[in-house]
Amino acid sequence: MNRGLLLALMAASAPIAIATTSAQDAEELSKKLQNPVASMISVPIQSNFQFRGGPDRDGFSSTSNIQPVIPVSLNQDWNLIVRTILPVIHRESYGPADGVGLGDTTQSFFFTPKTPKNGFVWGIGPAFMWPTATSDRFGSGKWGAGPTALMLVQDGAWTVGGLANHIWSYAGPEGRKDVSATFLQPFLSYSLGKGLSLSLNTEASYDWIARQWTVPINVGVGQVFKLGNQAMSAGLGFQYYAVRPTEGPRWGVRATLTFLLPEK
């Protein structure tokens, strides 16, 4: 079993976890975790296991995204939130695309007010794509940049919002395909109390060069807990690809383990 999935399942089932932190603290951390630009250091390790892909529809792939989120205080009114996504990719039965390696890194910089008004949170800034892929199979080979923005409202138990970016390539090998890609992530989550939450989102992307949508729909459950003195969150979810490329997967499972470092 993939190590990321095993760790997440073990954490989610640990009977002593929530007993080591108060319900109020767990709920506060859960609400912050649902806000992508919260002033809290977090390090999610998100493992996606995808099935029924490849040329013969028997392909398996996994993508483990290492996604640190680091807030930087600029002054008394503004934060800079740095969000990084580094994918580790594994494919089987995808033909020439098989193998294991790193993908391209996406890094976003959100300028956001420190104090939300009436539960409304927003952030805007640049996003960059770095050609960190270890093989042509796993990345574009291009340097890219573009705008990114986020808006959300937290009202009681509900969090509703969306994140978007668009990246164009501006440098890289001439023989590689240019990049012009839009990413749209509307999301909805509901807190059940004591750090337990339900979530629904889609992570739609559109490749303007290939003129191809990819639209996975994700539903999941997450729980905040403590392991010793370390605050953490474990999540488990299901993915269904409503729209996909010809050799894209049909469905998948997502397991997430997040290390939380709230401000003292």
Protein backbone atom coordinates (compact mmCIF):
# COMPACT_ATOMS: atom_id res chain seq x y z
CA MET A 1 0.00 0.00 0.00
CA ASN A 2 1.20 3.52 -0.78
CA ARG A 3 2.83 4.99 2.33
CA GLY A 4 0.83 8.25 2.16
CA LEU A 5 -2.47 6.35 2.14
CA LEU A 6 -1.34 4.07 4.98
CA LEU A 7 -0.35 7.02 7.19
CA ALA A 8 -3.59 8.86 6.53
CA LEU A 9 -5.73 5.80 7.30
CA MET A 10 -3.79 5.10 10.49
CA ALA A 11 -4.20 8.72 11.65
CA ALA A 12 -7.89 8.81 10.81
CA SER A 13 -8.57 5.66 12.84
CA ALA A 14 -6.40 6.49 15.87
CA PRO A 15 -8.75 6.29 18.89
CA ILE A 16 -6.59 8.48 21.16
CA ALA A 17 -6.12 11.32 18.68
CA ILE A 18 -8.99 13.67 19.40
CA ALA A 19 -8.72 13.00 23.12
CA THR A 20 -5.40 14.84 23.18
CA THR A 21 -6.84 18.18 22.06
CA SER A 22 -9.92 20.13 23.08
CA ALA A 23 -12.99 20.16 20.85
CA GLN A 24 -12.77 23.97 20.65
CA ASP A 25 -9.14 23.93 19.50
CA ALA A 26 -9.86 21.19 16.97
CA GLU A 27 -12.79 23.13 15.54
CA GLU A 28 -10.74 26.34 15.26
CA LEU A 29 -7.95 24.52 13.43
CA SER A 30 -10.48 22.82 11.16
CA LYS A 31 -11.95 26.20 10.15
CA LYS A 32 -8.48 27.60 9.44
CA LEU A 33 -7.63 24.54 7.37
CA GLN A 34 -10.68 25.17 5.17
CA ASN A 35 -9.27 28.65 4.36
CA PRO A 36 -6.40 28.32 1.83
CA VAL A 37 -4.94 31.69 2.90
CA ALA A 38 -5.30 31.34 6.69
CA SER A 39 -2.44 32.72 8.77
CA MET A 40 -1.19 29.28 9.76
CA ILE A 41 1.70 27.16 8.55
CA SER A 42 0.43 23.84 7.23
CA VAL A 43 2.10 21.03 5.31
CA PRO A 44 -0.44 18.81 3.55
CA ILE A 45 0.69 15.58 1.92
CA GLN A 46 -2.12 14.74 -0.48
CA SER A 47 -2.06 11.30 -2.12
CA ASN A 48 -4.33 10.68 -5.11
CA PHE A 49 -4.80 7.10 -6.35
CA GLN A 50 -6.47 6.96 -9.78
CA PHE A 51 -7.89 4.02 -11.69
CA ARG A 52 -9.21 3.02 -15.13
CA GLY A 53 -6.84 5.18 -17.16
CA GLY A 54 -4.36 4.56 -19.95
CA PRO A 55 -4.85 3.30 -23.53
CA ASP A 56 -6.44 0.01 -22.42
CA ARG A 57 -8.40 1.39 -19.46
CA ASP A 58 -6.41 -0.74 -17.01
CA GLY A 59 -3.91 1.92 -15.99
CA PHE A 60 -3.16 2.94 -12.40
CA SER A 61 -1.58 6.23 -11.37
CA SER A 62 -0.82 7.99 -8.13
CA THR A 63 0.12 11.60 -7.53
CA SER A 64 1.33 12.62 -4.09
CA ASN A 65 1.26 16.41 -3.79
CA ILE A 66 3.52 17.98 -1.16
CA GLN A 67 1.81 21.32 -0.49
CA PRO A 68 3.37 23.56 2.19
CA VAL A 69 1.48 26.76 2.97
CA ILE A 70 3.59 29.48 4.63
CA PRO A 71 2.21 32.88 5.76
CA VAL A 72 4.53 35.91 5.83
CA SER A 73 3.49 39.02 7.78
CA LEU A 74 4.13 42.12 5.65
CA ASN A 75 2.73 44.71 8.07
CA GLN A 76 -0.14 45.08 10.54
CA ASP A 77 -2.73 44.91 7.74
CA TRP A 78 -1.40 42.46 5.12
CA ASN A 79 -0.10 38.91 4.85
CA LEU A 80 1.64 37.18 1.98
CA ILE A 81 0.61 33.52 1.74
CA VAL A 82 3.01 31.29 -0.20
CA ARG A 83 1.41 28.04 -1.43
CA THR A 84 3.61 25.45 -3.16
CA ILE A 85 2.58 22.22 -4.88
CA LEU A 86 5.28 19.66 -5.74
CA PRO A 87 3.84 16.46 -7.30
CA VAL A 88 5.43 13.03 -7.04
CA ILE A 89 4.00 10.89 -9.87
CA HIS A 90 3.74 7.14 -10.41
CA ARG A 91 2.07 5.51 -13.45
CA GLU A 92 1.54 1.90 -14.50
CA SER A 93 -0.01 0.57 -17.75
CA TYR A 94 0.06 4.00 -19.40
CA GLY A 95 2.51 2.90 -22.10
CA PRO A 96 5.34 5.41 -22.75
CA ALA A 97 4.03 7.57 -19.87
CA ASP A 98 4.83 4.87 -17.26
CA GLY A 99 7.36 5.53 -14.53
CA VAL A 100 8.04 7.39 -11.30
CA GLY A 101 9.30 10.94 -10.88
CA LEU A 102 8.67 14.53 -9.93
CA GLY A 103 6.29 16.78 -11.84
CA ASP A 104 6.43 20.55 -12.40
CA THR A 105 6.09 22.73 -9.30
CA THR A 106 3.35 25.36 -9.02
CA GLN A 107 3.92 28.19 -6.55
CA SER A 108 1.31 30.86 -5.73
CA PHE A 109 1.76 34.13 -3.81
CA PHE A 110 -1.45 35.57 -2.33
CA PHE A 111 -1.58 39.07 -0.89
CA THR A 112 -4.46 39.01 1.59
CA PRO A 113 -5.80 41.28 4.39
CA LYS A 114 -5.06 40.04 7.89
CA THR A 115 -8.54 40.86 9.18
CA PRO A 116 -11.50 39.46 7.22
CA LYS A 117 -14.67 41.56 7.17
CA ASN A 118 -17.94 39.74 7.90
CA GLY A 119 -16.27 36.40 7.22
CA PHE A 120 -15.22 37.42 3.70
CA VAL A 121 -11.65 36.45 2.77
CA TRP A 122 -9.83 37.24 -0.45
CA GLY A 123 -6.34 37.04 -1.87
CA ILE A 124 -4.69 37.89 -5.17
CA GLY A 125 -1.22 37.65 -6.64
CA PRO A 126 1.04 35.85 -9.11
CA ALA A 127 1.43 32.13 -9.73
CA PHE A 128 4.53 30.49 -11.19
CA MET A 129 5.29 27.14 -12.78
CA TRP A 130 8.81 25.80 -12.31
CA PRO A 131 10.12 22.99 -14.60
CA THR A 132 11.11 20.58 -11.83
CA ALA A 133 9.89 17.43 -13.62
CA THR A 134 12.48 14.66 -13.67
CA SER A 135 11.23 13.37 -17.04
CA ASP A 136 9.48 14.73 -20.13
CA ARG A 137 6.65 12.31 -19.27
CA PHE A 138 5.80 14.21 -16.08
CA GLY A 139 6.15 17.89 -16.97
CA SER A 140 6.08 20.52 -19.66
CA GLY A 141 9.76 21.52 -19.49
CA LYS A 142 8.56 25.14 -19.57
CA TRP A 143 8.77 28.11 -17.24
CA GLY A 144 5.34 29.65 -16.67
CA ALA A 145 3.56 32.48 -14.86
CA GLY A 146 0.17 34.11 -14.55
CA PRO A 147 -2.41 35.55 -12.12
CA THR A 148 -4.14 33.76 -9.27
CA ALA A 149 -7.02 34.79 -6.99
CA LEU A 150 -9.12 33.39 -4.20
CA MET A 151 -12.38 34.39 -2.50
CA LEU A 152 -14.32 32.67 0.27
CA VAL A 153 -16.93 33.30 2.94
CA GLN A 154 -17.01 31.56 6.31
CA ASP A 155 -20.43 31.77 7.96
CA GLY A 156 -21.01 29.55 10.96
CA ALA A 157 -20.31 25.96 10.00
CA TRP A 158 -20.13 26.74 6.27
CA THR A 159 -17.16 27.68 4.10
CA VAL A 160 -17.93 28.56 0.47
CA GLY A 161 -15.46 29.90 -2.06
CA GLY A 162 -13.28 29.40 -5.07
CA LEU A 163 -9.66 29.56 -6.24
CA ALA A 164 -8.48 30.19 -9.80
CA ASN A 165 -5.30 30.72 -11.78
CA HIS A 166 -4.10 30.86 -15.34
CA ILE A 167 -0.54 30.05 -16.37
CA TRP A 168 1.19 30.78 -19.67
CA SER A 169 4.63 29.46 -20.54
CA TYR A 170 7.24 32.13 -21.33
CA ALA A 171 10.50 30.17 -21.66
CA GLY A 172 11.82 26.67 -22.14
CA PRO A 173 12.88 24.24 -24.87
CA GLU A 174 11.54 25.22 -28.29
CA GLY A 175 10.66 21.63 -29.09
CA ARG A 176 8.22 21.34 -26.17
CA LYS A 177 4.55 22.30 -26.35
CA ASP A 178 3.60 25.73 -25.03
CA VAL A 179 1.47 25.97 -21.89
CA SER A 180 -1.75 27.95 -21.55
CA ALA A 181 -3.85 26.43 -18.78
CA THR A 182 -6.72 27.60 -16.57
CA PHE A 183 -7.41 26.08 -13.15
CA LEU A 184 -10.78 26.55 -11.38
CA GLN A 185 -11.52 25.20 -7.91
CA PRO A 186 -14.93 26.04 -6.42
CA PHE A 187 -15.26 24.49 -2.96
CA LEU A 188 -17.82 23.94 -0.21
CA SER A 189 -17.25 22.54 3.27
CA TYR A 190 -19.31 22.05 6.40
CA SER A 191 -17.99 21.69 9.96
CA LEU A 192 -19.73 19.02 12.03
CA GLY A 193 -17.96 20.11 15.22
CA LYS A 194 -15.00 18.81 17.22
CA GLY A 195 -12.71 19.21 14.19
CA LEU A 196 -14.75 16.98 11.88
CA SER A 197 -15.70 18.39 8.45
CA LEU A 198 -17.23 17.37 5.13
CA SER A 199 -16.06 18.84 1.81
CA LEU A 200 -17.11 19.01 -1.83
CA ASN A 201 -15.10 20.59 -4.64
CA THR A 202 -14.07 20.30 -8.23
CA GLU A 203 -10.55 20.94 -9.53
CA ALA A 204 -11.32 21.75 -13.14
CA SER A 205 -8.54 22.55 -15.57
CA TYR A 206 -8.67 23.61 -19.21
CA ASP A 207 -5.75 23.15 -21.59
CA TRP A 208 -6.13 25.94 -24.17
CA ILE A 209 -3.50 24.36 -26.45
CA ALA A 210 -5.16 20.92 -26.60
CA ARG A 211 -8.65 22.39 -26.02
CA GLN A 212 -9.34 19.79 -23.37
CA TRP A 213 -11.17 19.96 -20.02
CA THR A 214 -10.33 17.76 -17.05
CA VAL A 215 -13.00 17.91 -14.33
CA PRO A 216 -12.68 15.70 -11.23
CA ILE A 217 -15.40 16.00 -8.58
CA ASN A 218 -14.14 15.36 -5.05
CA VAL A 219 -16.08 14.54 -1.88
CA GLY A 220 -14.32 13.94 1.40
CA VAL A 221 -14.26 13.92 5.17
CA GLY A 222 -11.52 15.30 7.43
CA GLN A 223 -10.67 15.19 11.13
CA VAL A 224 -8.32 17.42 13.13
CA PHE A 225 -6.48 15.74 16.01
CA LYS A 226 -3.23 15.78 17.95
CA LEU A 227 -0.51 13.16 18.01
CA GLY A 228 1.45 14.01 21.10
CA ASN A 229 1.94 17.77 20.83
CA GLN A 230 1.64 17.86 17.04
CA ALA A 231 -1.65 19.14 15.62
CA MET A 232 -2.62 17.25 12.46
CA SER A 233 -5.51 16.55 10.15
CA ALA A 234 -6.36 13.38 8.26
CA GLY A 235 -8.77 13.19 5.36
CA LEU A 236 -10.19 10.56 3.04
CA GLY A 237 -12.23 11.17 -0.09
CA PHE A 238 -13.53 9.89 -3.42
CA GLN A 239 -12.91 11.32 -6.91
CA TYR A 240 -15.06 10.96 -10.00
CA TYR A 241 -13.87 12.38 -13.33
CA ALA A 242 -16.93 13.95 -14.95
CA VAL A 243 -14.79 15.11 -17.91
CA ARG A 244 -11.39 13.68 -18.79
CA PRO A 245 -8.88 13.28 -21.61
CA THR A 246 -9.06 10.14 -23.74
CA GLU A 247 -6.59 8.20 -21.58
CA GLY A 248 -7.43 9.93 -18.29
CA PRO A 249 -8.61 8.02 -15.20
CA ARG A 250 -12.29 7.40 -14.48
CA TRP A 251 -12.25 7.49 -10.67
CA GLY A 252 -9.92 7.71 -7.71
CA VAL A 253 -9.36 7.86 -3.96
CA ARG A 254 -7.70 10.74 -2.10
CA ALA A 255 -5.95 10.50 1.28
CA THR A 256 -4.51 13.58 2.95
CA LEU A 257 -2.33 13.97 6.02
CA THR A 258 -1.67 17.58 7.08
CA PHE A 259 0.79 18.84 9.68
CA LEU A 260 -0.52 22.02 11.35
CA LEU A 261 1.66 24.69 12.95
CA PRO A 262 -0.72 27.34 14.34
CA GLU A 263 0.59 30.60 15.75
CA LYS A 264 1.31 30.49 19.47
